[in-house]
Amino acid sequence: MKQIYIDRRVCLFFLQEQLALFNYWDSIVVYAVPFTTITVLNTCTAYTVWKFATVRRTLTMHKM
């Protein structure tokens, strides 16, 4: 009976390790991936606006 108890403790230890690893990956997926995606998309949008604003300024400059 003692052997079964030891095996159960080892199994619970590995289960806790797996849960900790799952918790780590879950945090990355839930927080880091959306933050990175939003940052990249906002950067692309800002670059496009800046590019078109520069073109608009050069087309509407007053000629002397």
Protein backbone atom coordinates (compact mmCIF):
# COMPACT_ATOMS: atom_id res chain seq x y z
CA MET A 1 0.00 0.00 0.00
CA LYS A 2 2.91 2.34 0.68
CA GLN A 3 4.14 2.04 -2.91
CA ILE A 4 0.79 3.30 -4.24
CA TYR A 5 1.00 6.33 -1.94
CA ILE A 6 4.49 7.20 -3.20
CA ASP A 7 3.37 6.84 -6.82
CA ARG A 8 0.42 9.11 -6.14
CA ARG A 9 2.71 11.78 -4.66
CA VAL A 10 5.00 11.60 -7.69
CA CYS A 11 2.02 11.82 -10.00
CA LEU A 12 0.68 14.85 -8.12
CA PHE A 13 4.10 16.50 -8.30
CA PHE A 14 4.22 16.10 -12.09
CA LEU A 15 0.63 17.30 -12.34
CA GLN A 16 1.53 20.44 -10.40
CA GLU A 17 4.50 21.04 -12.71
CA GLN A 18 2.26 20.65 -15.74
CA LEU A 19 -0.29 23.04 -14.26
CA ALA A 20 2.43 25.61 -13.55
CA LEU A 21 3.67 25.31 -17.13
CA PHE A 22 0.13 25.64 -18.45
CA ASN A 23 -0.39 28.72 -16.28
CA TYR A 24 2.78 30.27 -17.70
CA TRP A 25 1.79 29.65 -21.32
CA ASP A 26 -1.75 30.80 -20.65
CA SER A 27 -0.42 34.11 -19.31
CA ILE A 28 1.66 34.59 -22.45
CA VAL A 29 -1.24 33.81 -24.76
CA VAL A 30 -3.75 35.95 -22.89
CA TYR A 31 -1.58 39.02 -22.24
CA ALA A 32 1.54 39.13 -24.40
CA VAL A 33 0.16 38.04 -27.78
CA PRO A 34 -2.75 40.55 -27.88
CA PHE A 35 -0.50 43.34 -26.60
CA THR A 36 2.10 42.60 -29.29
CA THR A 37 -0.55 42.36 -32.01
CA ILE A 38 -2.14 45.67 -31.00
CA THR A 39 1.27 47.36 -30.87
CA VAL A 40 2.25 46.14 -34.33
CA LEU A 41 -1.08 47.11 -35.89
CA ASN A 42 -0.99 50.57 -34.26
CA THR A 43 2.54 51.08 -35.55
CA CYS A 44 1.46 50.15 -39.09
CA THR A 45 -1.51 52.53 -38.86
CA ALA A 46 0.64 55.39 -37.54
CA TYR A 47 3.20 54.87 -40.32
CA THR A 48 0.49 54.93 -42.98
CA VAL A 49 -1.07 58.11 -41.56
CA TRP A 50 2.36 59.76 -41.35
CA LYS A 51 3.18 58.76 -44.93
CA PHE A 52 -0.07 60.16 -46.33
CA ALA A 53 0.18 63.31 -44.21
CA THR A 54 3.63 63.96 -45.68
CA VAL A 55 2.32 63.48 -49.22
CA ARG A 56 -0.66 65.75 -48.49
CA ARG A 57 1.60 68.49 -47.14
CA THR A 58 3.82 68.41 -50.22
CA LEU A 59 0.81 68.56 -52.56
CA THR A 60 -0.83 71.50 -50.76
CA MET A 61 2.28 73.62 -50.16
CA HIS A 62 1.94 77.25 -51.21
CA LYS A 63 4.15 78.03 -54.16
CA MET A 64 6.06 81.26 -54.11
